[in-house]
């Protein structure tokens, strides 16, 4: 969803329409490696404009590949929020 807002803002700018700044997309993922442990992967996108005016995407991130129970708990919390948002409580 965030990436769609950034794209819409870029298109609006190309059409000469000013739009409020969209939040840059970011993603945090907790891939499960066992029923009680997960990894941590975090990604951030940034839009950069070069001297010609072309817009490019720069991606940076970090990860922790040590499987931890705390990451599994964070993943379950995220899944609960997401499912509640999509389908209700």
Protein backbone atom coordinates (compact mmCIF):
# COMPACT_ATOMS: atom_id res chain seq x y z
CA UNK A 1 0.00 0.00 0.00
CA UNK A 2 2.79 2.45 0.86
CA UNK A 3 4.49 1.87 -2.48
CA UNK A 4 1.22 2.67 -4.29
CA UNK A 5 0.99 5.99 -2.44
CA UNK A 6 4.57 6.88 -3.36
CA UNK A 7 3.89 5.98 -7.01
CA UNK A 8 0.70 8.05 -7.01
CA UNK A 9 2.57 11.04 -5.58
CA UNK A 10 5.25 10.71 -8.26
CA UNK A 11 2.64 10.51 -11.05
CA UNK A 12 0.73 13.50 -9.62
CA UNK A 13 3.98 15.48 -9.58
CA UNK A 14 4.63 14.59 -13.22
CA UNK A 15 1.15 15.91 -14.05
CA UNK A 16 1.89 19.16 -12.23
CA UNK A 17 -0.39 18.46 -9.28
CA UNK A 18 0.97 19.03 -5.82
CA UNK A 19 0.09 16.33 -3.35
CA UNK A 20 0.98 15.84 0.29
CA UNK A 21 4.06 13.72 0.79
CA UNK A 22 3.47 10.02 1.11
CA UNK A 23 5.36 8.03 3.68
CA UNK A 24 8.22 6.11 2.17
CA UNK A 25 7.56 2.38 2.15
CA UNK A 26 9.25 0.16 4.67
CA UNK A 27 8.84 -3.49 5.45
CA UNK A 28 9.67 -5.66 8.42
CA UNK A 29 9.39 -9.40 7.96
CA UNK A 30 9.78 -12.24 10.45
CA UNK A 31 10.24 -15.47 8.44
CA UNK A 32 9.47 -18.50 10.60
CA UNK A 33 12.24 -21.10 10.78
CA UNK A 34 10.59 -23.21 13.48
CA UNK A 35 7.26 -23.09 15.32
CA UNK A 36 8.87 -21.03 18.09
CA UNK A 37 11.62 -19.09 16.28
CA UNK A 38 11.86 -16.54 13.45
CA UNK A 39 14.39 -14.30 11.71
CA UNK A 40 14.22 -10.51 11.30
CA UNK A 41 14.46 -8.72 7.93
CA UNK A 42 13.89 -4.97 7.60
CA UNK A 43 13.81 -3.05 4.31
CA UNK A 44 13.46 0.69 3.59
CA UNK A 45 12.90 2.32 0.20
CA UNK A 46 13.89 5.88 -0.69
CA UNK A 47 13.17 7.86 -3.85
CA UNK A 48 16.12 9.79 -5.23
CA UNK A 49 16.18 12.18 -8.15
CA UNK A 50 19.32 12.44 -10.29
CA UNK A 51 20.63 15.53 -12.12
CA UNK A 52 18.45 14.76 -15.17
CA UNK A 53 15.31 14.66 -13.02
CA UNK A 54 14.87 10.91 -13.29
CA UNK A 55 13.60 9.26 -10.13
CA UNK A 56 15.35 6.15 -8.84
CA UNK A 57 14.62 3.86 -5.92
CA UNK A 58 17.32 3.17 -3.35
CA UNK A 59 16.78 0.20 -1.06
CA UNK A 60 18.56 -0.35 2.22
CA UNK A 61 17.96 -2.71 5.07
CA UNK A 62 19.24 -4.87 7.84
CA UNK A 63 18.70 -8.40 9.04
CA UNK A 64 19.31 -10.64 11.99
CA UNK A 65 19.67 -14.23 10.90
CA UNK A 66 19.78 -15.57 14.45
CA UNK A 67 16.45 -17.32 14.99
CA UNK A 68 14.80 -15.93 18.12
CA UNK A 69 11.61 -16.60 20.04
CA UNK A 70 11.03 -12.83 20.36
CA UNK A 71 10.80 -12.52 16.57
CA UNK A 72 8.24 -15.35 16.49
CA UNK A 73 6.13 -13.42 19.03
CA UNK A 74 6.41 -10.23 16.94
CA UNK A 75 5.33 -12.18 13.85
CA UNK A 76 2.28 -13.59 15.66
CA UNK A 77 1.34 -10.07 16.81
CA UNK A 78 1.65 -8.79 13.23
CA UNK A 79 -0.42 -11.70 11.86
CA UNK A 80 -3.13 -11.04 14.45
CA UNK A 81 -3.31 -7.31 13.59
CA UNK A 82 -3.33 -8.01 9.84
CA UNK A 83 -6.05 -10.65 10.01
CA UNK A 84 -8.13 -8.45 12.31
CA UNK A 85 -7.78 -5.53 9.88
CA UNK A 86 -8.74 -7.65 6.89
CA UNK A 87 -11.53 -9.73 8.41
CA UNK A 88 -12.54 -8.00 11.64
CA UNK A 89 -12.15 -9.16 15.22
